[in-house]
Amino acid sequence: MGNMKIPDDMEKMSNMGERKEKKKYPLSIIHIYTTYPEKPAKLPADMTDDELCAYLNQCKQAENKRVYRTNPDLIERRIGDEWVLVPVGEYAQKYNGMITLNVFSHFIWEQFKQPNSLDKVLHEAEDQFDDPEHVMELQIRQFMDKAIISQMLLEIRQDV
């Protein structure tokens, strides 16, 4: 009796009650560093881990100092718990649509209504929001990536 094979169907049925514990879904966040403080002596791919870490910190610091402001051709409207940016003027000629912002992205948007740097926005966000998963900085950088590419935020050349 010890050598009796359990049919596959019965084995599957006995495992149906067991549920595999799933991992917590992490947010998919990326940020692309395109602004280098200065051309490095070595390509980043050829750097040691310590050199790459130091260089990445230089890139972050250079990027954090750039100053941006909201595009004046986007009019903000609140609809329930969301904010909608409606294109007007030149922007409306290029972009046929609307942009929705949640509470956090609206907070970021508000920070750039006056010329501001990423560094100052990061500090303000850290004062206002709890970040137990330590993803806030990356989320702000990702928001800015999209906002700069789509010309929602415009770079200005002045110190804040």
C-alpha atoms as a PDB file:
ATOM      1  CA  MET A   1       0.000   0.000   0.000  1.00  0.00           C
ATOM      2  CA  GLY A   2       2.942   2.365   0.617  1.00  0.00           C
ATOM      3  CA  ASN A   3       3.837   2.274  -3.090  1.00  0.00           C
ATOM      4  CA  MET A   4       0.371   3.281  -4.275  1.00  0.00           C
ATOM      5  CA  LYS A   5       0.474   6.294  -6.644  1.00  0.00           C
ATOM      6  CA  ILE A   6      -2.063   9.071  -6.032  1.00  0.00           C
ATOM      7  CA  PRO A   7      -3.756  10.098  -9.291  1.00  0.00           C
ATOM      8  CA  ASP A   8      -2.732  13.559 -10.536  1.00  0.00           C
ATOM      9  CA  ASP A   9      -6.323  14.842 -10.326  1.00  0.00           C
ATOM     10  CA  MET A  10      -6.576  13.943  -6.634  1.00  0.00           C
ATOM     11  CA  GLU A  11      -3.203  15.555  -5.884  1.00  0.00           C
ATOM     12  CA  LYS A  12      -4.295  18.773  -7.589  1.00  0.00           C
ATOM     13  CA  MET A  13      -7.541  18.768  -5.590  1.00  0.00           C
ATOM     14  CA  SER A  14      -5.711  18.345  -2.304  1.00  0.00           C
ATOM     15  CA  ASN A  15      -3.484  21.346  -3.129  1.00  0.00           C
ATOM     16  CA  MET A  16      -6.395  23.578  -4.186  1.00  0.00           C
ATOM     17  CA  GLY A  17      -7.051  24.677  -0.615  1.00  0.00           C
ATOM     18  CA  GLU A  18      -3.455  25.835  -0.186  1.00  0.00           C
ATOM     19  CA  ARG A  19      -2.761  29.350  -1.407  1.00  0.00           C
ATOM     20  CA  LYS A  20       0.690  30.498  -2.258  1.00  0.00           C
ATOM     21  CA  GLU A  21       1.558  33.635  -0.328  1.00  0.00           C
ATOM     22  CA  LYS A  22       2.123  36.457  -2.790  1.00  0.00           C
ATOM     23  CA  LYS A  23       4.786  39.118  -2.532  1.00  0.00           C
ATOM     24  CA  LYS A  24       3.713  42.677  -1.859  1.00  0.00           C
ATOM     25  CA  TYR A  25       3.409  44.550  -5.148  1.00  0.00           C
ATOM     26  CA  PRO A  26       6.180  47.153  -5.298  1.00  0.00           C
ATOM     27  CA  LEU A  27       5.775  50.263  -7.406  1.00  0.00           C
ATOM     28  CA  SER A  28       7.750  50.179 -10.617  1.00  0.00           C
ATOM     29  CA  ILE A  29       9.832  53.335 -10.484  1.00  0.00           C
ATOM     30  CA  ILE A  30      12.720  54.393 -12.685  1.00  0.00           C
ATOM     31  CA  HIS A  31      14.569  57.629 -13.172  1.00  0.00           C
ATOM     32  CA  ILE A  32      16.945  58.277 -16.026  1.00  0.00           C
ATOM     33  CA  TYR A  33      19.912  60.515 -15.331  1.00  0.00           C
ATOM     34  CA  THR A  34      20.601  62.439 -18.507  1.00  0.00           C
ATOM     35  CA  THR A  35      22.392  65.418 -17.006  1.00  0.00           C
ATOM     36  CA  TYR A  36      26.000  64.812 -16.113  1.00  0.00           C
ATOM     37  CA  PRO A  37      27.825  67.421 -14.019  1.00  0.00           C
ATOM     38  CA  GLU A  38      30.912  67.050 -16.197  1.00  0.00           C
ATOM     39  CA  LYS A  39      32.230  64.452 -18.582  1.00  0.00           C
ATOM     40  CA  PRO A  40      33.917  61.776 -16.443  1.00  0.00           C
ATOM     41  CA  ALA A  41      37.425  60.477 -17.096  1.00  0.00           C
ATOM     42  CA  LYS A  42      35.967  56.962 -17.437  1.00  0.00           C
ATOM     43  CA  LEU A  43      32.678  55.834 -18.880  1.00  0.00           C
ATOM     44  CA  PRO A  44      30.209  54.855 -16.123  1.00  0.00           C
ATOM     45  CA  ALA A  45      30.271  51.238 -17.375  1.00  0.00           C
ATOM     46  CA  ASP A  46      34.033  51.124 -16.725  1.00  0.00           C
ATOM     47  CA  MET A  47      33.873  52.599 -13.200  1.00  0.00           C
ATOM     48  CA  THR A  48      34.298  50.594 -10.022  1.00  0.00           C
ATOM     49  CA  ASP A  49      31.268  50.407  -7.737  1.00  0.00           C
ATOM     50  CA  ASP A  50      32.722  53.132  -5.488  1.00  0.00           C
ATOM     51  CA  GLU A  51      33.495  55.402  -8.463  1.00  0.00           C
ATOM     52  CA  LEU A  52      30.022  54.862  -9.912  1.00  0.00           C
ATOM     53  CA  CYS A  53      28.391  55.601  -6.555  1.00  0.00           C
ATOM     54  CA  ALA A  54      30.356  58.868  -6.216  1.00  0.00           C
ATOM     55  CA  TYR A  55      29.546  59.810  -9.810  1.00  0.00           C
ATOM     56  CA  LEU A  56      25.845  59.052  -9.339  1.00  0.00           C
ATOM     57  CA  ASN A  57      25.837  61.346  -6.291  1.00  0.00           C
ATOM     58  CA  GLN A  58      27.453  64.098  -8.404  1.00  0.00           C
ATOM     59  CA  CYS A  59      24.738  63.607 -11.043  1.00  0.00           C
ATOM     60  CA  LYS A  60      22.001  63.832  -8.409  1.00  0.00           C
ATOM     61  CA  GLN A  61      23.481  66.994  -6.903  1.00  0.00           C
ATOM     62  CA  ALA A  62      23.771  68.669 -10.322  1.00  0.00           C
ATOM     63  CA  GLU A  63      20.213  67.660 -11.209  1.00  0.00           C
ATOM     64  CA  ASN A  64      18.853  68.813  -7.838  1.00  0.00           C
ATOM     65  CA  LYS A  65      20.104  72.366  -8.451  1.00  0.00           C
ATOM     66  CA  ARG A  66      18.285  72.888 -11.767  1.00  0.00           C
ATOM     67  CA  VAL A  67      15.361  75.304 -11.487  1.00  0.00           C
ATOM     68  CA  TYR A  68      11.926  74.673 -13.018  1.00  0.00           C
ATOM     69  CA  ARG A  69       8.494  76.270 -13.082  1.00  0.00           C
ATOM     70  CA  THR A  70       5.076  75.142 -14.252  1.00  0.00           C
ATOM     71  CA  ASN A  71       4.096  75.812 -17.837  1.00  0.00           C
ATOM     72  CA  PRO A  72       1.751  78.850 -17.789  1.00  0.00           C
ATOM     73  CA  ASP A  73      -0.215  77.275 -20.674  1.00  0.00           C
ATOM     74  CA  LEU A  74      -1.705  74.709 -18.271  1.00  0.00           C
ATOM     75  CA  ILE A  75      -4.750  75.808 -16.285  1.00  0.00           C
ATOM     76  CA  GLU A  76      -5.460  73.877 -13.082  1.00  0.00           C
ATOM     77  CA  ARG A  77      -8.999  72.745 -12.220  1.00  0.00           C
ATOM     78  CA  ARG A  78     -10.126  70.651  -9.260  1.00  0.00           C
ATOM     79  CA  ILE A  79     -12.639  67.879  -9.988  1.00  0.00           C
ATOM     80  CA  GLY A  80     -13.512  65.921  -6.821  1.00  0.00           C
ATOM     81  CA  ASP A  81     -10.301  64.470  -5.354  1.00  0.00           C
ATOM     82  CA  GLU A  82      -8.271  65.026  -8.514  1.00  0.00           C
ATOM     83  CA  TRP A  83      -6.794  68.025 -10.192  1.00  0.00           C
ATOM     84  CA  VAL A  84      -6.941  68.384 -13.943  1.00  0.00           C
ATOM     85  CA  LEU A  85      -4.489  70.418 -15.992  1.00  0.00           C
ATOM     86  CA  VAL A  86      -6.173  71.831 -19.093  1.00  0.00           C
ATOM     87  CA  PRO A  87      -3.938  73.033 -21.947  1.00  0.00           C
ATOM     88  CA  VAL A  88      -4.463  76.533 -23.338  1.00  0.00           C
ATOM     89  CA  GLY A  89      -2.524  78.756 -25.723  1.00  0.00           C
ATOM     90  CA  GLU A  90       0.484  77.251 -27.524  1.00  0.00           C
ATOM     91  CA  TYR A  91       0.424  74.107 -25.406  1.00  0.00           C
ATOM     92  CA  ALA A  92      -3.142  73.351 -26.545  1.00  0.00           C
ATOM     93  CA  GLN A  93      -1.895  73.469 -30.158  1.00  0.00           C
ATOM     94  CA  LYS A  94       0.678  70.718 -29.422  1.00  0.00           C
ATOM     95  CA  TYR A  95      -1.244  68.632 -26.894  1.00  0.00           C
ATOM     96  CA  ASN A  96      -4.828  67.528 -27.414  1.00  0.00           C
ATOM     97  CA  GLY A  97      -5.870  66.165 -24.041  1.00  0.00           C
ATOM     98  CA  MET A  98      -5.914  66.766 -20.309  1.00  0.00           C
ATOM     99  CA  ILE A  99      -3.610  65.727 -17.482  1.00  0.00           C
ATOM    100  CA  THR A 100      -4.869  64.429 -14.133  1.00  0.00           C
ATOM    101  CA  LEU A 101      -2.933  64.774 -10.897  1.00  0.00           C
ATOM    102  CA  ASN A 102      -3.486  62.864  -7.669  1.00  0.00           C
ATOM    103  CA  VAL A 103      -2.877  64.444  -4.256  1.00  0.00           C
ATOM    104  CA  PHE A 104       0.880  63.827  -4.291  1.00  0.00           C
ATOM    105  CA  SER A 105       1.497  64.891  -7.890  1.00  0.00           C
ATOM    106  CA  HIS A 106      -0.604  67.999  -7.205  1.00  0.00           C
ATOM    107  CA  PHE A 107       1.658  68.740  -4.232  1.00  0.00           C
ATOM    108  CA  ILE A 108       4.681  68.550  -6.559  1.00  0.00           C
ATOM    109  CA  TRP A 109       2.914  70.737  -9.132  1.00  0.00           C
ATOM    110  CA  GLU A 110       2.211  73.348  -6.453  1.00  0.00           C
ATOM    111  CA  GLN A 111       5.901  73.467  -5.534  1.00  0.00           C
ATOM    112  CA  PHE A 112       6.812  74.550  -9.060  1.00  0.00           C
ATOM    113  CA  LYS A 113       4.227  77.319  -9.447  1.00  0.00           C
ATOM    114  CA  GLN A 114       7.108  79.551  -8.413  1.00  0.00           C
ATOM    115  CA  PRO A 115      10.600  78.766  -9.737  1.00  0.00           C
ATOM    116  CA  ASN A 116      12.008  75.981  -7.610  1.00  0.00           C
ATOM    117  CA  SER A 117      14.722  73.322  -7.541  1.00  0.00           C
ATOM    118  CA  LEU A 118      14.252  69.618  -7.078  1.00  0.00           C
ATOM    119  CA  ASP A 119      16.395  69.805  -3.933  1.00  0.00           C
ATOM    120  CA  LYS A 120      13.972  72.232  -2.266  1.00  0.00           C
ATOM    121  CA  VAL A 121      10.931  70.237  -3.386  1.00  0.00           C
ATOM    122  CA  LEU A 122      12.453  67.048  -1.941  1.00  0.00           C
ATOM    123  CA  HIS A 123      12.994  68.754   1.427  1.00  0.00           C
ATOM    124  CA  GLU A 124       9.448  70.141   1.450  1.00  0.00           C
ATOM    125  CA  ALA A 125       8.011  66.713   0.569  1.00  0.00           C
ATOM    126  CA  GLU A 126      10.026  65.067   3.361  1.00  0.00           C
ATOM    127  CA  ASP A 127       8.534  67.596   5.800  1.00  0.00           C
ATOM    128  CA  GLN A 128       4.968  67.008   4.589  1.00  0.00           C
ATOM    129  CA  PHE A 129       4.783  63.258   3.858  1.00  0.00           C
ATOM    130  CA  ASP A 130       5.729  60.017   5.583  1.00  0.00           C
ATOM    131  CA  ASP A 131       7.815  57.724   3.353  1.00  0.00           C
ATOM    132  CA  PRO A 132       8.011  54.271   5.010  1.00  0.00           C
ATOM    133  CA  GLU A 133       9.011  52.508   1.771  1.00  0.00           C
ATOM    134  CA  HIS A 134      11.654  55.131   0.891  1.00  0.00           C
ATOM    135  CA  VAL A 135      10.366  55.662  -2.657  1.00  0.00           C
ATOM    136  CA  MET A 136       9.268  59.290  -2.487  1.00  0.00           C
ATOM    137  CA  GLU A 137      12.443  60.726  -3.991  1.00  0.00           C
ATOM    138  CA  LEU A 138      12.281  58.336  -6.945  1.00  0.00           C
ATOM    139  CA  GLN A 139       8.586  59.070  -7.446  1.00  0.00           C
ATOM    140  CA  ILE A 140       9.251  62.812  -7.490  1.00  0.00           C
ATOM    141  CA  ARG A 141      12.103  62.332  -9.955  1.00  0.00           C
ATOM    142  CA  GLN A 142       9.868  60.145 -12.145  1.00  0.00           C
ATOM    143  CA  PHE A 143       7.089  62.762 -12.060  1.00  0.00           C
ATOM    144  CA  MET A 144       9.617  65.393 -13.088  1.00  0.00           C
ATOM    145  CA  ASP A 145      10.986  63.214 -15.914  1.00  0.00           C
ATOM    146  CA  LYS A 146       7.512  63.004 -17.442  1.00  0.00           C
ATOM    147  CA  ALA A 147       6.698  66.646 -16.727  1.00  0.00           C
ATOM    148  CA  ILE A 148       9.924  67.921 -18.330  1.00  0.00           C
ATOM    149  CA  ILE A 149       9.619  65.699 -21.415  1.00  0.00           C
ATOM    150  CA  SER A 150       5.987  66.751 -21.917  1.00  0.00           C
ATOM    151  CA  GLN A 151       6.867  70.421 -21.216  1.00  0.00           C
ATOM    152  CA  MET A 152       4.542  70.615 -18.207  1.00  0.00           C
ATOM    153  CA  LEU A 153       7.604  71.896 -16.330  1.00  0.00           C
ATOM    154  CA  LEU A 154       9.979  74.328 -17.952  1.00  0.00           C
ATOM    155  CA  GLU A 155      13.613  74.751 -16.956  1.00  0.00           C
ATOM    156  CA  ILE A 156      14.647  78.294 -16.169  1.00  0.00           C
ATOM    157  CA  ARG A 157      18.175  79.562 -15.846  1.00  0.00           C
ATOM    158  CA  GLN A 158      18.363  81.243 -12.453  1.00  0.00           C
ATOM    159  CA  ASP A 159      19.261  80.376  -8.878  1.00  0.00           C
ATOM    160  CA  VAL A 160      16.443  80.071  -6.370  1.00  0.00           C
END
